[in-house]
Amino acid sequence: MNEQRIAQAAVNSLHAEVLLAPKPGLVDPESNGAHRDMDVTTFEASIAALAPYFTQYLHAGLAAKTVPQLYQELRTIGIDAENAMLTATHGVNTHRGANFSFGFLLGALGWLLQQDSLPDLVAVEFAPLFPAVAQVAQGVAGDFRHLGDKAQLSHGEALYVKHGVTGVRGEALAGYPTIREHMLPYLRQTTTQGDLRYLRLMVHLMAQVEDANLLHRGGPAGLRFVQDAAKTLLHVSDTRLPNALRTLNAEMITLNLSPGGTADYLSLAYFFDALTLLGTKPA
């Protein structure tokens, strides 16, 4: 299997996510959502900056001799990738969460590909990938210690202190239960294709995910508002869904709410769909 095709699939997934529309509260070609400091061109610059590091994540997994070594290598690459992203976007956080998740998923995938083939992993619905991620990510647990000693907390760290929300770090440590329990079953069961496939998934995720970005912007009340609104959209017909999403977008702009966590999972959905396709076609 060509490793470059896997890394490129991750890059393509970020492109597909930002171009999907309409996405309430999020940047897309129709609207900047609840963001005044970024648009599609900001995201495209961010993706171009991150692309070389996605290859490095995968290669780190393919070359690693031990799990602790892989964790340290991924952390080093991840810091460089985030700095490159922030340079390209002039300090705007476009893909911090996505960079984190793709780093661990690509690294763990490379680790597994030392012995397994991608078709083997596709055949078992990527089951070995998630415990591998959890194992590699154990070093992240240290991020939650000694937060009281830090002079300045990140948004994620502040949410952990205030609400006990572990965010994307907790997802990695648990082997991405949102992917295993919600996203992959949806992708496996739905026959819908095209944009509607991912718009429907977005609504499902918004209804269920404890989105750290929503908590940061709107607190528990903001999170509940979006979850409740998404639950009503679960039953909207396919033809009415786009306009219903546009109406919700206007409300979320007014409330300054953006489901950034859902956006990250959408990019991962595109990625897993692409991996499945790569693993079921001749190399």
Protein backbone atom coordinates (compact mmCIF):
# COMPACT_ATOMS: atom_id res chain seq x y z
CA MET A 1 0.00 0.00 0.00
CA ASN A 2 1.36 3.39 -0.98
CA GLU A 3 1.81 5.39 2.23
CA GLN A 4 1.56 8.65 0.33
CA ARG A 5 -1.98 7.78 -0.76
CA ILE A 6 -2.99 7.34 2.89
CA ALA A 7 -1.45 10.64 3.95
CA GLN A 8 -3.00 12.39 0.94
CA ALA A 9 -6.39 10.94 1.89
CA ALA A 10 -6.08 12.73 5.24
CA VAL A 11 -5.23 16.01 3.51
CA ASN A 12 -8.11 15.58 1.07
CA SER A 13 -10.45 14.96 4.00
CA LEU A 14 -9.70 18.39 5.46
CA HIS A 15 -10.42 19.97 2.08
CA ALA A 16 -13.72 18.07 1.81
CA GLU A 17 -14.83 19.12 5.30
CA VAL A 18 -14.34 22.85 4.79
CA LEU A 19 -16.10 22.75 1.40
CA LEU A 20 -19.15 20.89 2.74
CA ALA A 21 -22.14 23.24 3.07
CA PRO A 22 -24.25 24.37 4.76
CA LYS A 23 -22.65 23.76 8.17
CA PRO A 24 -24.25 25.70 11.07
CA GLY A 25 -21.76 27.87 12.93
CA LEU A 26 -18.85 26.60 10.85
CA VAL A 27 -16.79 27.95 7.98
CA ASP A 28 -17.91 26.81 4.52
CA PRO A 29 -18.23 28.38 1.04
CA GLU A 30 -21.65 29.81 1.94
CA SER A 31 -20.78 31.41 5.27
CA ASN A 32 -18.02 31.97 7.81
CA GLY A 33 -20.41 30.78 10.50
CA ALA A 34 -19.69 32.14 13.96
CA HIS A 35 -16.11 33.02 12.98
CA ARG A 36 -14.96 36.54 12.25
CA ASP A 37 -11.27 35.71 11.95
CA MET A 38 -11.30 32.95 9.33
CA ASP A 39 -12.82 31.88 6.02
CA VAL A 40 -12.30 29.12 3.46
CA THR A 41 -9.02 30.64 2.27
CA THR A 42 -7.71 30.59 5.86
CA PHE A 43 -8.51 26.89 6.04
CA GLU A 44 -6.88 26.19 2.69
CA ALA A 45 -3.69 27.89 3.88
CA SER A 46 -3.82 25.85 7.08
CA ILE A 47 -4.27 22.57 5.18
CA ALA A 48 -1.34 23.33 2.89
CA ALA A 49 0.84 23.99 5.94
CA LEU A 50 -0.22 20.76 7.68
CA ALA A 51 0.03 18.44 4.66
CA PRO A 52 3.74 17.54 4.93
CA TYR A 53 3.34 16.62 8.58
CA PHE A 54 0.58 14.10 7.86
CA THR A 55 3.14 12.10 5.89
CA GLN A 56 5.54 12.39 8.81
CA TYR A 57 2.93 11.07 11.27
CA LEU A 58 2.39 7.97 9.16
CA HIS A 59 6.10 7.39 8.60
CA ALA A 60 6.74 7.74 12.35
CA GLY A 61 4.36 4.85 12.96
CA LEU A 62 5.89 2.75 10.20
CA ALA A 63 9.40 3.28 11.58
CA ALA A 64 8.80 3.20 15.36
CA LYS A 65 10.38 0.43 17.44
CA THR A 66 8.42 1.06 20.65
CA VAL A 67 5.15 2.75 21.61
CA PRO A 68 6.80 5.33 23.92
CA GLN A 69 9.20 6.23 21.10
CA LEU A 70 6.26 6.68 18.73
CA TYR A 71 4.44 8.93 21.20
CA GLN A 72 7.44 11.19 21.61
CA GLU A 73 7.96 11.36 17.85
CA LEU A 74 4.31 12.21 17.22
CA ARG A 75 4.39 14.89 19.89
CA THR A 76 7.46 16.50 18.32
CA ILE A 77 5.95 16.43 14.83
CA GLY A 78 2.64 17.70 16.21
CA ILE A 79 4.23 20.78 17.78
CA ASP A 80 6.02 21.58 14.53
CA ALA A 81 2.78 21.07 12.59
CA GLU A 82 0.81 23.35 14.88
CA ASN A 83 3.44 26.05 14.63
CA ALA A 84 3.36 25.78 10.83
CA MET A 85 -0.43 26.04 10.88
CA LEU A 86 -0.38 29.13 13.09
CA THR A 87 2.25 30.76 10.90
CA ALA A 88 0.17 30.12 7.77
CA THR A 89 -3.02 31.47 9.38
CA HIS A 90 -1.36 34.42 11.17
CA GLY A 91 -2.19 32.95 14.56
CA VAL A 92 -5.72 31.69 13.87
CA ASN A 93 -6.54 28.22 15.25
CA THR A 94 -8.12 26.46 12.29
CA HIS A 95 -7.12 22.82 12.77
CA ARG A 96 -5.58 22.31 16.22
CA GLY A 97 -8.01 19.53 17.13
CA ALA A 98 -7.88 17.92 13.69
CA ASN A 99 -4.07 18.01 13.72
CA PHE A 100 -4.08 16.28 17.10
CA SER A 101 -6.46 13.53 15.98
CA PHE A 102 -4.88 12.92 12.58
CA GLY A 103 -1.49 12.77 14.26
CA PHE A 104 -2.46 9.94 16.58
CA LEU A 105 -4.61 8.10 14.05
CA LEU A 106 -1.99 8.23 11.29
CA GLY A 107 0.78 7.32 13.72
CA ALA A 108 -1.17 4.36 15.14
CA LEU A 109 -2.14 3.30 11.62
CA GLY A 110 1.49 3.28 10.57
CA TRP A 111 2.36 1.24 13.67
CA LEU A 112 -0.26 -1.38 12.74
CA LEU A 113 0.82 -1.41 9.09
CA GLN A 114 4.21 -2.74 10.18
CA GLN A 115 2.44 -6.11 10.45
CA ASP A 116 -1.09 -5.76 9.05
CA SER A 117 -2.30 -4.63 5.64
CA LEU A 118 -4.88 -1.91 5.08
CA PRO A 119 -7.31 -4.45 3.52
CA ASP A 120 -6.95 -6.52 6.72
CA LEU A 121 -7.88 -3.51 8.84
CA VAL A 122 -10.80 -2.58 6.58
CA ALA A 123 -12.10 -6.15 6.80
CA VAL A 124 -12.41 -5.87 10.58
CA GLU A 125 -13.73 -2.27 10.47
CA PHE A 126 -10.48 -0.85 11.83
CA ALA A 127 -11.03 -2.57 15.19
CA PRO A 128 -7.31 -2.81 16.11
CA LEU A 129 -6.73 0.87 15.37
CA PHE A 130 -8.55 2.26 18.39
CA PRO A 131 -6.78 0.33 21.16
CA ALA A 132 -3.55 1.15 19.34
CA VAL A 133 -4.38 4.86 19.48
CA ALA A 134 -5.25 4.57 23.17
CA GLN A 135 -1.94 2.85 23.85
CA VAL A 136 0.11 5.40 21.93
CA ALA A 137 -1.76 8.33 23.50
CA GLN A 138 -1.11 7.34 27.12
CA GLY A 139 1.49 10.08 27.41
CA VAL A 140 -1.29 12.64 26.92
CA ALA A 141 -2.61 11.81 30.40
CA GLY A 142 0.21 13.92 31.79
CA ASP A 143 -1.34 16.99 30.15
CA PHE A 144 -4.07 16.98 32.81
CA ARG A 145 -1.64 16.97 35.74
CA HIS A 146 -0.36 20.10 37.44
CA LEU A 147 -2.70 22.41 35.55
CA GLY A 148 -3.00 24.47 38.70
CA ASP A 149 0.66 25.37 38.34
CA LYS A 150 0.28 26.80 34.84
CA ALA A 151 0.08 30.57 34.44
CA GLN A 152 -2.02 30.33 31.26
CA LEU A 153 -4.37 27.52 30.27
CA SER A 154 -5.44 26.56 26.77
CA HIS A 155 -9.18 26.51 26.04
CA GLY A 156 -9.18 22.74 26.45
CA GLU A 157 -7.31 22.87 29.74
CA ALA A 158 -9.64 25.55 31.08
CA LEU A 159 -12.67 23.41 30.18
CA TYR A 160 -11.14 20.47 32.02
CA VAL A 161 -10.59 22.57 35.15
CA LYS A 162 -14.07 24.14 35.02
CA HIS A 163 -16.27 21.33 33.69
CA GLY A 164 -14.15 18.17 33.87
CA VAL A 165 -14.33 17.89 30.06
CA THR A 166 -11.33 16.06 28.64
CA GLY A 167 -12.09 16.94 25.00
CA VAL A 168 -10.02 15.48 22.20
CA ARG A 169 -7.30 14.34 24.62
CA GLY A 170 -9.85 12.21 26.46
CA GLU A 171 -11.12 10.82 23.16
CA ALA A 172 -7.62 9.72 22.18
CA LEU A 173 -6.96 8.19 25.60
CA ALA A 174 -10.21 6.21 25.32
CA GLY A 175 -9.51 5.06 21.76
CA TYR A 176 -11.96 7.49 20.12
CA PRO A 177 -15.31 6.11 21.31
CA THR A 178 -17.14 8.74 19.22
CA ILE A 179 -15.61 7.26 16.07
CA ARG A 180 -16.20 3.66 17.16
CA GLU A 181 -19.70 4.04 18.58
CA HIS A 182 -21.26 6.77 16.46
CA MET A 183 -19.36 7.69 13.32
CA LEU A 184 -18.30 4.34 11.90
CA PRO A 185 -21.67 2.65 12.57
CA TYR A 186 -23.39 5.53 10.76
CA LEU A 187 -21.02 5.29 7.78
CA ARG A 188 -21.45 1.52 7.67
CA GLN A 189 -25.24 1.55 7.85
CA THR A 190 -26.18 4.49 5.61
CA THR A 191 -26.59 4.06 1.88
CA THR A 192 -26.75 7.82 1.31
CA GLN A 193 -23.90 9.21 -0.78
CA GLY A 194 -22.62 12.66 -1.68
CA ASP A 195 -22.92 15.73 0.51
CA LEU A 196 -26.11 14.48 2.15
CA ARG A 197 -24.19 11.54 3.64
CA TYR A 198 -21.98 13.93 5.59
CA LEU A 199 -24.61 16.57 6.35
CA ARG A 200 -26.71 13.85 8.00
CA LEU A 201 -23.68 12.62 9.93
CA MET A 202 -22.97 16.20 11.03
CA VAL A 203 -26.47 16.46 12.49
CA HIS A 204 -26.06 13.12 14.32
CA LEU A 205 -22.75 14.27 15.77
CA MET A 206 -24.06 17.70 16.80
CA ALA A 207 -26.88 15.96 18.65
CA GLN A 208 -24.54 13.71 20.65
CA VAL A 209 -20.98 15.03 20.90
CA GLU A 210 -19.86 16.86 24.04
CA ASP A 211 -18.28 19.51 21.84
CA ALA A 212 -15.51 21.35 23.69
CA ASN A 213 -15.69 24.27 21.28
CA LEU A 214 -19.38 24.78 22.01
CA LEU A 215 -18.70 24.57 25.75
CA HIS A 216 -15.93 27.14 25.42
CA ARG A 217 -18.13 29.58 23.51
CA GLY A 218 -21.54 29.03 25.09
CA GLY A 219 -21.07 26.99 28.26
CA PRO A 220 -23.41 24.08 29.07
CA ALA A 221 -26.41 26.11 27.88
CA GLY A 222 -24.86 26.67 24.48
CA LEU A 223 -24.03 22.99 24.14
CA ARG A 224 -27.60 22.00 25.07
CA PHE A 225 -29.05 24.49 22.59
CA VAL A 226 -27.10 22.99 19.70
CA GLN A 227 -27.75 19.40 20.77
CA ASP A 228 -31.49 20.04 21.06
CA ALA A 229 -31.61 21.88 17.73
CA ALA A 230 -29.75 19.03 16.04
CA LYS A 231 -32.12 16.44 17.48
CA THR A 232 -35.04 18.20 15.78
CA LEU A 233 -33.13 18.13 12.49
CA LEU A 234 -32.73 14.36 12.66
CA HIS A 235 -36.30 14.05 11.43
CA VAL A 236 -36.25 16.74 8.72
CA SER A 237 -36.60 15.46 5.16
CA ASP A 238 -33.64 15.41 2.81
CA THR A 239 -35.10 18.18 0.66
CA ARG A 240 -35.73 20.47 3.63
CA LEU A 241 -32.49 19.79 5.47
CA PRO A 242 -30.20 22.34 3.72
CA ASN A 243 -32.49 25.29 4.41
CA ALA A 244 -33.10 24.09 7.97
CA LEU A 245 -29.32 24.05 8.46
CA ARG A 246 -29.07 27.59 7.07
CA THR A 247 -31.73 28.76 9.54
CA LEU A 248 -29.81 27.16 12.41
CA ASN A 249 -26.61 28.76 11.12
CA ALA A 250 -28.18 32.22 11.50
CA GLU A 251 -29.18 31.42 15.10
CA MET A 252 -25.75 30.08 15.95
CA ILE A 253 -24.03 33.14 14.49
CA THR A 254 -26.18 35.32 16.74
CA LEU A 255 -25.24 33.18 19.75
CA ASN A 256 -21.56 32.93 18.67
CA LEU A 257 -21.70 29.13 18.70
CA SER A 258 -19.49 26.90 16.55
CA PRO A 259 -19.38 23.07 16.76
CA GLY A 260 -15.68 22.76 15.99
CA GLY A 261 -15.47 19.27 17.46
CA THR A 262 -18.11 18.06 15.01
CA ALA A 263 -16.11 19.60 12.15
CA ASP A 264 -13.07 17.56 13.17
CA TYR A 265 -15.11 14.36 13.20
CA LEU A 266 -16.52 15.20 9.77
CA SER A 267 -12.99 15.38 8.36
CA LEU A 268 -12.28 12.02 10.02
CA ALA A 269 -15.42 10.58 8.41
CA TYR A 270 -14.13 11.54 4.97
CA PHE A 271 -10.80 9.96 5.94
CA PHE A 272 -12.26 6.64 7.05
CA ASP A 273 -14.40 6.47 3.93
CA ALA A 274 -11.24 7.06 1.85
CA LEU A 275 -9.30 4.42 3.81
CA THR A 276 -12.09 1.93 3.22
CA LEU A 277 -11.95 2.63 -0.50
CA LEU A 278 -8.14 2.31 -0.57
CA GLY A 279 -8.34 -0.95 1.36
CA THR A 280 -10.89 -2.56 -0.91
CA LYS A 281 -9.20 -1.67 -4.23
CA PRO A 282 -6.04 -3.16 -5.71
CA ALA A 283 -3.00 -1.12 -4.59
